[in-house]
Amino acid sequence: MAKTKETAKEGGFGDNIRMDGLASKLMGIAGGIGVVGLGASFGLGYTSDKSQFMHSYLTAYAWILSIGIGALWWVVLQHLVNAKWSTVVRRVGELLASTMPMLALLSLPIVIPALMGDSTLYIWADSQKMHADHLLHKKAAFLNRDFFVVRLVIYFVFWGVLSRYLLSKSVEQDKTGAPEIRSKLQALCAPSMILMALTLTFAAIDFVMTLEPKWYSTIFGVYYFAGAVVSFHSFFALALMWLQKNGRLAKSVTSEHYHDIGKMMFAFTAFWAYIAFSQFMLIWYANIPEETEWYHVRAHGAWGTVSYVMIAVNFLIPFFGLLSRHVKRNRAALGFWAVWILVVHWLDMFWLVKPHMHTEHLPFSILDVTCTVGMLGMFIAAAAFSSQKLNLVPIKDPRLEKSLAFENF
């Protein structure tokens, strides 16, 4: 406790900015939930319906991966634009982004079956089926097992190295106070943002869009990106609220910071709707059979109902719910909408993945719950592991003073 107080004093403000024993406690609880959830998922999946397990696992994975990628994108953005308002909360974002090794590990139940030629998820994993279909045969240079794995290795190595480097340089500045670290990270994040856009887009295509290898959309990566950003900011807000409830960052993070996080939640709710409509409108207008089939499945029967529900719960309701300035500055109200957005973003992933399994009815299963809870637990445990012995605030960042005094107009 003495070390905590000393660190807080060094940062120029009296606040608890160390996790200390809370990190171990959180890691144990979240990790335990994660192990039980994923253990139950594997047990249920491989003793009953393998297809249900694989699709439920991919749904949950696409959801949790979007939060991790959203976190890394946000950290890169803060350095790129030399943001000052976010300095006091940036370390929490860095810790969430540092979960990339765990996210890479969680991808293995998807990657290994594909590598072994299992076509439960991806028909292109079976080379015989690929070459038996003329259209798919033309895509075999890209859609094949070996190149799929190579691409994923590139994504996760890049994300993992970048997230670790950004966190390590931020921690180094805590010790040395070297102001030049800021300019070095800003220079690094310019090309990194371009690579983030490319890797995120191709990852969305590889994991989700190639479930239907004959379908294509040039805007699908942006669609996934929009959901990733809004879901990350929602998770980010809840993480900060949880820390404050447990006596961390109680004075450092104010309604001004929540206000800006709420603005991003609001903005990307609208942006998601814009991209979703743009993708649908262009495909509807062109009326090309290879493109319209994907929407045809989602426009009829039970899936048609889900599509209409998505318009309301993913856009209309949260748009008006987050419109007020007062909502963004109220922790309880913002927390409600953060939970809402995370739930409906999961529904969005369900809507993207599950029609590949059943086109006529909604294949919801207890596996959807166990996979999601298990991955969420492992994600939180990984972030808690990274937070051990670290300040939750970059105490010697030259922009910290302005961040602490930040006010919205």
Protein backbone atom coordinates (compact mmCIF):
# COMPACT_ATOMS: atom_id res chain seq x y z
CA MET A 1 0.00 0.00 0.00
CA ALA A 2 2.89 2.34 0.75
CA LYS A 3 4.20 1.76 -2.77
CA THR A 4 0.82 2.63 -4.22
CA LYS A 5 0.70 5.93 -2.37
CA GLU A 6 4.26 6.77 -3.36
CA THR A 7 3.52 6.11 -7.02
CA ALA A 8 0.39 8.21 -6.91
CA LYS A 9 2.28 11.07 -5.33
CA GLU A 10 4.96 10.82 -8.01
CA GLY A 11 2.28 11.25 -10.66
CA GLY A 12 1.26 14.56 -9.12
CA PHE A 13 -2.13 13.53 -7.79
CA GLY A 14 -3.44 11.57 -4.84
CA ASP A 15 -5.04 8.49 -6.30
CA ASN A 16 -4.69 4.72 -6.25
CA ILE A 17 -3.18 3.82 -9.61
CA ARG A 18 -1.93 0.28 -8.92
CA MET A 19 -3.86 -2.96 -9.16
CA ASP A 20 -1.67 -4.78 -6.62
CA GLY A 21 -3.61 -7.73 -5.15
CA LEU A 22 -6.70 -6.86 -7.17
CA ALA A 23 -4.93 -8.03 -10.34
CA SER A 24 -4.30 -11.51 -8.94
CA LYS A 25 -7.86 -11.75 -7.65
CA LEU A 26 -9.34 -10.69 -10.96
CA MET A 27 -7.02 -12.98 -12.89
CA GLY A 28 -8.03 -15.94 -10.72
CA ILE A 29 -11.78 -15.32 -10.95
CA ALA A 30 -11.87 -14.42 -14.66
CA GLY A 31 -9.42 -17.16 -15.57
CA GLY A 32 -11.42 -19.72 -13.61
CA ILE A 33 -14.63 -18.68 -15.36
CA GLY A 34 -12.82 -18.80 -18.69
CA VAL A 35 -11.47 -22.31 -18.13
CA VAL A 36 -14.84 -23.64 -16.94
CA GLY A 37 -16.71 -21.95 -19.80
CA LEU A 38 -14.37 -23.18 -22.51
CA GLY A 39 -14.05 -26.61 -20.89
CA ALA A 40 -17.82 -26.99 -20.90
CA SER A 41 -17.92 -25.79 -24.51
CA PHE A 42 -15.39 -28.38 -25.69
CA GLY A 43 -17.09 -31.09 -23.68
CA LEU A 44 -20.55 -30.32 -25.03
CA GLY A 45 -19.31 -29.65 -28.56
CA TYR A 46 -17.32 -32.79 -29.18
CA THR A 47 -19.82 -35.11 -27.49
CA SER A 48 -22.91 -33.78 -29.30
CA ASP A 49 -23.08 -31.44 -32.31
CA LYS A 50 -19.67 -30.49 -33.69
CA SER A 51 -21.12 -28.05 -36.20
CA GLN A 52 -23.00 -26.22 -33.45
CA PHE A 53 -19.84 -25.97 -31.37
CA MET A 54 -17.70 -24.68 -34.23
CA HIS A 55 -20.20 -22.00 -35.25
CA SER A 56 -20.86 -20.95 -31.65
CA TYR A 57 -17.12 -20.78 -31.03
CA LEU A 58 -16.55 -18.64 -34.13
CA THR A 59 -19.40 -16.30 -33.14
CA ALA A 60 -17.90 -15.75 -29.70
CA TYR A 61 -14.39 -15.45 -31.11
CA ALA A 62 -15.34 -12.85 -33.71
CA TRP A 63 -16.95 -10.87 -30.86
CA ILE A 64 -14.03 -10.99 -28.42
CA LEU A 65 -11.44 -10.45 -31.17
CA SER A 66 -13.24 -7.26 -32.21
CA ILE A 67 -12.82 -5.84 -28.68
CA GLY A 68 -9.09 -6.63 -28.66
CA ILE A 69 -8.51 -5.21 -32.14
CA GLY A 70 -10.59 -2.16 -31.24
CA ALA A 71 -8.37 -1.59 -28.20
CA LEU A 72 -5.16 -1.75 -30.25
CA TRP A 73 -6.61 0.57 -32.91
CA TRP A 74 -7.60 3.06 -30.21
CA VAL A 75 -4.12 3.11 -28.63
CA VAL A 76 -2.50 3.61 -32.03
CA LEU A 77 -4.94 6.44 -32.74
CA GLN A 78 -4.15 8.25 -29.47
CA HIS A 79 -0.44 8.32 -30.25
CA LEU A 80 -0.98 9.18 -33.91
CA VAL A 81 -3.05 12.30 -33.21
CA ASN A 82 -1.08 13.22 -30.07
CA ALA A 83 -4.28 13.06 -28.00
CA LYS A 84 -4.15 14.74 -24.61
CA TRP A 85 -7.59 14.06 -23.15
CA SER A 86 -7.02 10.29 -23.13
CA THR A 87 -3.59 10.18 -21.48
CA VAL A 88 -4.94 9.34 -18.03
CA VAL A 89 -6.97 6.38 -19.36
CA ARG A 90 -4.58 5.25 -22.11
CA ARG A 91 -2.79 2.68 -19.97
CA VAL A 92 -6.03 0.77 -19.46
CA GLY A 93 -6.47 0.71 -23.23
CA GLU A 94 -2.89 -0.53 -23.60
CA LEU A 95 -3.57 -3.35 -21.16
CA LEU A 96 -6.67 -4.42 -23.09
CA ALA A 97 -4.67 -4.33 -26.33
CA SER A 98 -1.94 -6.49 -24.74
CA THR A 99 -4.32 -9.48 -24.83
CA MET A 100 -3.28 -10.32 -28.41
CA PRO A 101 -1.28 -13.45 -27.42
CA MET A 102 -4.37 -14.81 -25.65
CA LEU A 103 -6.54 -14.00 -28.67
CA ALA A 104 -4.06 -15.83 -30.89
CA LEU A 105 -4.26 -18.87 -28.59
CA LEU A 106 -8.06 -18.77 -28.63
CA SER A 107 -8.04 -18.91 -32.44
CA LEU A 108 -6.49 -22.40 -32.48
CA PRO A 109 -9.80 -24.35 -32.25
CA ILE A 110 -10.76 -22.57 -35.48
CA VAL A 111 -7.40 -22.75 -37.22
CA ILE A 112 -6.35 -26.33 -36.44
CA PRO A 113 -9.49 -28.04 -37.87
CA ALA A 114 -9.19 -25.92 -41.02
CA LEU A 115 -5.51 -26.84 -41.34
CA MET A 116 -6.46 -30.51 -41.05
CA GLY A 117 -8.98 -30.21 -43.88
CA ASP A 118 -12.13 -30.08 -41.73
CA SER A 119 -14.78 -28.21 -43.76
CA THR A 120 -17.30 -27.80 -40.93
CA LEU A 121 -16.76 -24.05 -41.01
CA TYR A 122 -14.86 -23.38 -44.22
CA ILE A 123 -15.59 -25.40 -47.33
CA TRP A 124 -12.32 -24.23 -48.83
CA ALA A 125 -10.45 -26.21 -46.16
CA ASP A 126 -11.32 -29.32 -48.19
CA SER A 127 -9.22 -29.13 -51.35
CA GLN A 128 -11.37 -31.70 -53.15
CA LYS A 129 -14.52 -29.62 -52.69
CA MET A 130 -12.65 -26.52 -53.84
CA HIS A 131 -11.49 -28.10 -57.07
CA ALA A 132 -14.89 -29.69 -57.73
CA ASP A 133 -16.52 -26.25 -57.94
CA HIS A 134 -15.43 -24.11 -60.89
CA LEU A 135 -15.93 -20.77 -59.10
CA LEU A 136 -14.19 -21.87 -55.93
CA HIS A 137 -11.36 -23.39 -57.93
CA LYS A 138 -10.60 -19.93 -59.29
CA LYS A 139 -10.19 -18.67 -55.70
CA ALA A 140 -7.95 -21.51 -54.55
CA ALA A 141 -4.79 -19.41 -54.78
CA PHE A 142 -6.09 -17.35 -51.85
CA LEU A 143 -8.49 -19.74 -50.15
CA ASN A 144 -6.29 -22.61 -49.15
CA ARG A 145 -5.18 -23.99 -45.78
CA ASP A 146 -1.50 -23.09 -45.92
CA PHE A 147 -1.97 -19.49 -47.00
CA PHE A 148 -4.77 -19.08 -44.44
CA VAL A 149 -2.40 -20.02 -41.63
CA VAL A 150 0.39 -17.82 -43.02
CA ARG A 151 -1.94 -14.83 -43.06
CA LEU A 152 -3.11 -15.44 -39.49
CA VAL A 153 0.49 -15.71 -38.29
CA ILE A 154 1.22 -12.35 -39.92
CA TYR A 155 -1.83 -10.73 -38.30
CA PHE A 156 -1.16 -11.95 -34.78
CA VAL A 157 2.60 -11.38 -34.90
CA PHE A 158 2.01 -7.81 -36.03
CA TRP A 159 -0.74 -7.15 -33.48
CA GLY A 160 1.17 -8.84 -30.67
CA VAL A 161 4.49 -7.11 -31.33
CA LEU A 162 2.85 -3.71 -31.81
CA SER A 163 0.71 -3.94 -28.66
CA ARG A 164 3.66 -5.14 -26.57
CA TYR A 165 5.95 -2.43 -27.92
CA LEU A 166 3.45 0.36 -27.26
CA LEU A 167 2.90 -0.86 -23.70
CA SER A 168 6.61 -1.37 -23.00
CA LYS A 169 7.58 2.10 -24.24
CA SER A 170 4.77 3.64 -22.19
CA VAL A 171 6.02 1.80 -19.10
CA GLU A 172 9.59 2.83 -19.90
CA GLN A 173 8.49 6.45 -19.87
CA ASP A 174 7.10 5.89 -16.36
CA LYS A 175 10.67 5.17 -15.26
CA THR A 176 12.75 7.55 -17.35
CA GLY A 177 10.34 10.39 -18.11
CA ALA A 178 12.00 10.71 -21.52
CA PRO A 179 9.80 13.14 -23.54
CA GLU A 180 11.18 11.90 -26.88
CA ILE A 181 9.26 8.63 -26.43
CA ARG A 182 6.09 10.50 -27.33
CA SER A 183 7.43 11.59 -30.74
CA LYS A 184 8.88 8.14 -31.46
CA LEU A 185 5.56 6.46 -30.81
CA GLN A 186 3.73 9.04 -32.89
CA ALA A 187 6.06 8.37 -35.84
CA LEU A 188 5.63 4.61 -35.43
CA CYS A 189 1.84 4.81 -35.30
CA ALA A 190 1.51 6.48 -38.71
CA PRO A 191 2.50 3.39 -40.75
CA SER A 192 1.04 1.15 -38.04
CA MET A 193 -2.42 2.62 -38.65
CA ILE A 194 -2.20 1.65 -42.33
CA LEU A 195 -1.13 -1.88 -41.40
CA MET A 196 -3.92 -2.03 -38.81
CA ALA A 197 -6.46 -1.25 -41.52
CA LEU A 198 -5.08 -3.96 -43.80
CA THR A 199 -4.72 -6.70 -41.19
CA LEU A 200 -8.10 -5.99 -39.59
CA THR A 201 -9.82 -6.08 -42.98
CA PHE A 202 -8.21 -9.35 -44.06
CA ALA A 203 -8.79 -10.95 -40.66
CA ALA A 204 -12.52 -10.13 -40.92
CA ILE A 205 -12.57 -11.64 -44.39
CA ASP A 206 -10.65 -14.76 -43.36
CA PHE A 207 -12.57 -15.56 -40.19
CA VAL A 208 -16.10 -14.54 -41.19
CA MET A 209 -16.63 -13.63 -44.84
CA THR A 210 -15.04 -16.83 -46.20
CA LEU A 211 -17.73 -18.86 -44.47
CA GLU A 212 -19.54 -18.10 -47.73
CA PRO A 213 -16.60 -18.19 -50.17
CA LYS A 214 -18.71 -17.38 -53.21
CA TRP A 215 -19.94 -14.15 -51.60
CA TYR A 216 -17.84 -11.03 -51.48
CA SER A 217 -18.15 -7.46 -50.28
CA THR A 218 -15.49 -4.78 -50.58
CA ILE A 219 -16.86 -3.04 -47.50
CA PHE A 220 -17.03 -6.03 -45.15
CA GLY A 221 -13.79 -5.14 -43.37
CA VAL A 222 -15.08 -1.65 -42.63
CA TYR A 223 -18.32 -3.16 -41.31
CA TYR A 224 -16.38 -5.32 -38.87
CA PHE A 225 -14.14 -2.37 -37.95
CA ALA A 226 -17.15 -0.22 -37.06
CA GLY A 227 -18.44 -2.91 -34.70
CA ALA A 228 -14.97 -3.38 -33.22
CA VAL A 229 -14.59 0.29 -32.33
CA VAL A 230 -18.03 0.71 -30.76
CA SER A 231 -17.69 -2.54 -28.80
CA PHE A 232 -14.22 -1.62 -27.54
CA HIS A 233 -15.36 1.77 -26.25
CA SER A 234 -18.28 0.11 -24.51
CA PHE A 235 -15.99 -2.43 -22.85
CA PHE A 236 -13.52 0.37 -22.07
CA ALA A 237 -16.16 2.39 -20.24
CA LEU A 238 -17.21 -0.63 -18.19
CA ALA A 239 -13.57 -1.46 -17.33
CA LEU A 240 -12.97 2.07 -16.04
CA MET A 241 -16.19 1.98 -14.02
CA TRP A 242 -15.17 -1.34 -12.48
CA LEU A 243 -11.74 0.04 -11.56
CA GLN A 244 -13.28 3.09 -9.92
CA LYS A 245 -15.75 0.94 -8.03
CA ASN A 246 -12.76 -0.96 -6.64
CA GLY A 247 -10.94 2.18 -5.55
CA ARG A 248 -8.66 2.68 -8.55
CA LEU A 249 -8.51 5.88 -10.61
CA ALA A 250 -11.32 7.24 -8.43
CA LYS A 251 -10.17 10.86 -8.77
CA SER A 252 -8.19 10.69 -12.00
CA VAL A 253 -10.99 9.63 -14.36
CA THR A 254 -13.89 12.08 -14.40
CA SER A 255 -17.17 12.57 -16.19
CA GLU A 256 -15.20 14.53 -18.80
CA HIS A 257 -13.35 11.39 -19.88
CA TYR A 258 -16.52 9.30 -19.87
CA HIS A 259 -18.13 12.01 -21.98
CA ASP A 260 -15.54 11.54 -24.72
CA ILE A 261 -15.79 7.75 -24.56
CA GLY A 262 -19.56 8.13 -24.85
CA LYS A 263 -19.09 10.35 -27.89
CA MET A 264 -17.14 7.58 -29.59
CA MET A 265 -19.83 5.05 -28.70
CA PHE A 266 -22.45 7.35 -30.20
CA ALA A 267 -20.41 8.21 -33.31
CA PHE A 268 -19.56 4.64 -34.19
CA THR A 269 -23.11 3.47 -33.57
CA ALA A 270 -24.07 5.84 -36.38
CA PHE A 271 -21.05 4.84 -38.45
CA TRP A 272 -21.91 1.14 -38.12
CA ALA A 273 -25.43 1.86 -39.39
CA TYR A 274 -24.06 3.89 -42.30
CA ILE A 275 -21.69 1.11 -43.37
CA ALA A 276 -24.34 -1.60 -42.89
CA PHE A 277 -26.80 0.31 -45.06
CA SER A 278 -24.15 1.12 -47.66
CA GLN A 279 -23.20 -2.54 -48.02
CA PHE A 280 -26.84 -3.63 -48.33
CA MET A 281 -27.85 -0.83 -50.70
CA LEU A 282 -24.99 -1.42 -53.15
CA ILE A 283 -25.62 -5.16 -53.29
CA TRP A 284 -29.38 -4.68 -53.61
CA TYR A 285 -28.97 -2.12 -56.38
CA ALA A 286 -26.47 -4.19 -58.38
CA ASN A 287 -28.67 -7.30 -58.02
CA ILE A 288 -25.87 -9.74 -58.84
CA PRO A 289 -26.92 -13.31 -57.87
CA GLU A 290 -23.59 -14.20 -56.24
CA GLU A 291 -23.91 -11.18 -53.96
CA THR A 292 -27.64 -11.12 -53.23
CA GLU A 293 -27.83 -14.74 -52.01
CA TRP A 294 -26.10 -13.76 -48.75
CA TYR A 295 -28.77 -11.16 -48.01
CA HIS A 296 -31.59 -13.34 -49.35
CA VAL A 297 -31.01 -15.82 -46.52
CA ARG A 298 -31.01 -13.00 -43.95
CA ALA A 299 -34.12 -11.33 -45.34
CA HIS A 300 -36.60 -14.19 -44.95
CA GLY A 301 -38.08 -16.30 -42.18
CA ALA A 302 -36.55 -16.17 -38.72
CA TRP A 303 -33.38 -14.53 -40.01
CA GLY A 304 -35.46 -11.78 -41.60
CA THR A 305 -36.92 -11.04 -38.17
CA VAL A 306 -33.43 -10.83 -36.71
CA SER A 307 -32.42 -8.42 -39.48
CA TYR A 308 -35.25 -6.03 -38.61
CA VAL A 309 -34.47 -6.36 -34.92
CA MET A 310 -30.85 -5.49 -35.68
CA ILE A 311 -31.87 -2.18 -37.22
CA ALA A 312 -33.65 -1.24 -34.00
CA VAL A 313 -31.30 -2.57 -31.32
CA ASN A 314 -27.99 -1.87 -33.07
CA PHE A 315 -28.85 1.59 -34.34
CA LEU A 316 -32.17 3.30 -33.60
CA ILE A 317 -32.43 2.59 -29.88
CA PRO A 318 -28.77 3.23 -28.87
CA PHE A 319 -28.58 6.23 -31.23
CA PHE A 320 -31.33 8.07 -29.40
CA GLY A 321 -30.25 6.61 -26.06
CA LEU A 322 -26.75 8.10 -26.39
CA LEU A 323 -27.80 11.33 -28.04
CA SER A 324 -28.00 13.38 -24.84
CA ARG A 325 -24.91 14.97 -23.32
CA HIS A 326 -26.20 14.09 -19.87
CA VAL A 327 -26.28 10.35 -20.66
CA LYS A 328 -22.62 10.37 -21.68
CA ARG A 329 -21.65 12.08 -18.41
CA ASN A 330 -23.71 9.82 -16.17
CA ARG A 331 -21.87 6.62 -15.23
CA ALA A 332 -25.00 4.55 -14.61
CA ALA A 333 -26.63 5.59 -17.88
CA LEU A 334 -23.45 5.17 -19.91
CA GLY A 335 -22.84 1.79 -18.27
CA PHE A 336 -26.31 0.64 -19.30
CA TRP A 337 -25.70 1.54 -22.93
CA ALA A 338 -22.22 0.00 -22.84
CA VAL A 339 -23.72 -3.35 -21.80
CA TRP A 340 -26.48 -2.92 -24.39
CA ILE A 341 -23.98 -2.32 -27.20
CA LEU A 342 -21.82 -5.29 -26.24
CA VAL A 343 -24.86 -7.59 -26.24
CA VAL A 344 -26.20 -6.37 -29.58
CA HIS A 345 -22.71 -6.49 -31.11
CA TRP A 346 -22.63 -10.16 -30.13
CA LEU A 347 -26.00 -10.50 -31.88
CA ASP A 348 -24.40 -8.93 -34.94
CA MET A 349 -21.70 -11.62 -34.94
CA PHE A 350 -24.42 -14.27 -34.50
CA TRP A 351 -26.20 -12.79 -37.54
CA LEU A 352 -23.01 -12.92 -39.59
CA VAL A 353 -21.95 -16.46 -38.68
CA LYS A 354 -24.93 -18.65 -37.85
CA PRO A 355 -26.90 -18.55 -41.15
CA HIS A 356 -24.00 -20.55 -42.57
CA MET A 357 -25.09 -23.35 -40.25
CA HIS A 358 -28.88 -23.10 -40.62
CA THR A 359 -30.67 -20.94 -43.16
CA GLU A 360 -34.22 -21.55 -41.94
CA HIS A 361 -34.15 -21.33 -38.13
CA LEU A 362 -32.04 -19.72 -35.44
CA PRO A 363 -29.50 -22.28 -34.15
CA PHE A 364 -29.13 -20.76 -30.68
CA SER A 365 -27.56 -23.14 -28.16
CA ILE A 366 -26.16 -23.22 -24.64
CA LEU A 367 -22.81 -23.40 -26.45
CA ASP A 368 -23.31 -19.78 -27.51
CA VAL A 369 -23.35 -18.85 -23.84
CA THR A 370 -20.49 -21.07 -22.66
CA CYS A 371 -18.17 -20.08 -25.53
CA THR A 372 -18.84 -16.37 -25.03
CA VAL A 373 -18.47 -16.47 -21.24
CA GLY A 374 -15.34 -18.61 -21.52
CA MET A 375 -13.61 -16.29 -23.98
CA LEU A 376 -14.62 -13.19 -22.06
CA GLY A 377 -13.13 -14.68 -18.91
CA MET A 378 -9.84 -15.51 -20.63
CA PHE A 379 -9.68 -12.04 -22.21
CA ILE A 380 -10.15 -10.31 -18.85
CA ALA A 381 -7.65 -12.65 -17.18
CA ALA A 382 -5.04 -11.82 -19.83
CA ALA A 383 -5.53 -8.08 -19.30
CA ALA A 384 -5.31 -8.54 -15.52
CA PHE A 385 -2.10 -10.54 -15.93
CA SER A 386 -0.52 -7.67 -17.90
CA SER A 387 -1.59 -5.13 -15.27
CA GLN A 388 0.44 -6.69 -12.48
CA LYS A 389 3.11 -4.34 -11.07
CA LEU A 390 2.18 -1.59 -13.53
CA ASN A 391 0.71 1.85 -12.97
CA LEU A 392 -2.75 2.29 -14.38
CA VAL A 393 -1.73 5.79 -15.46
CA PRO A 394 1.35 6.83 -17.51
CA ILE A 395 2.66 9.01 -14.69
CA LYS A 396 5.47 10.75 -16.60
CA ASP A 397 3.75 11.35 -19.90
CA PRO A 398 4.10 15.10 -20.59
CA ARG A 399 0.43 15.25 -21.63
CA LEU A 400 -0.87 13.92 -18.32
CA GLU A 401 -1.43 17.29 -16.69
CA LYS A 402 -3.70 18.44 -19.51
CA SER A 403 -5.54 15.13 -19.41
CA LEU A 404 -6.25 15.48 -15.70
CA ALA A 405 -7.54 19.02 -16.22
CA PHE A 406 -9.49 18.12 -19.37
CA GLU A 407 -12.96 19.64 -19.78
CA ASN A 408 -15.54 19.26 -22.54
CA PHE A 409 -17.23 22.29 -24.01
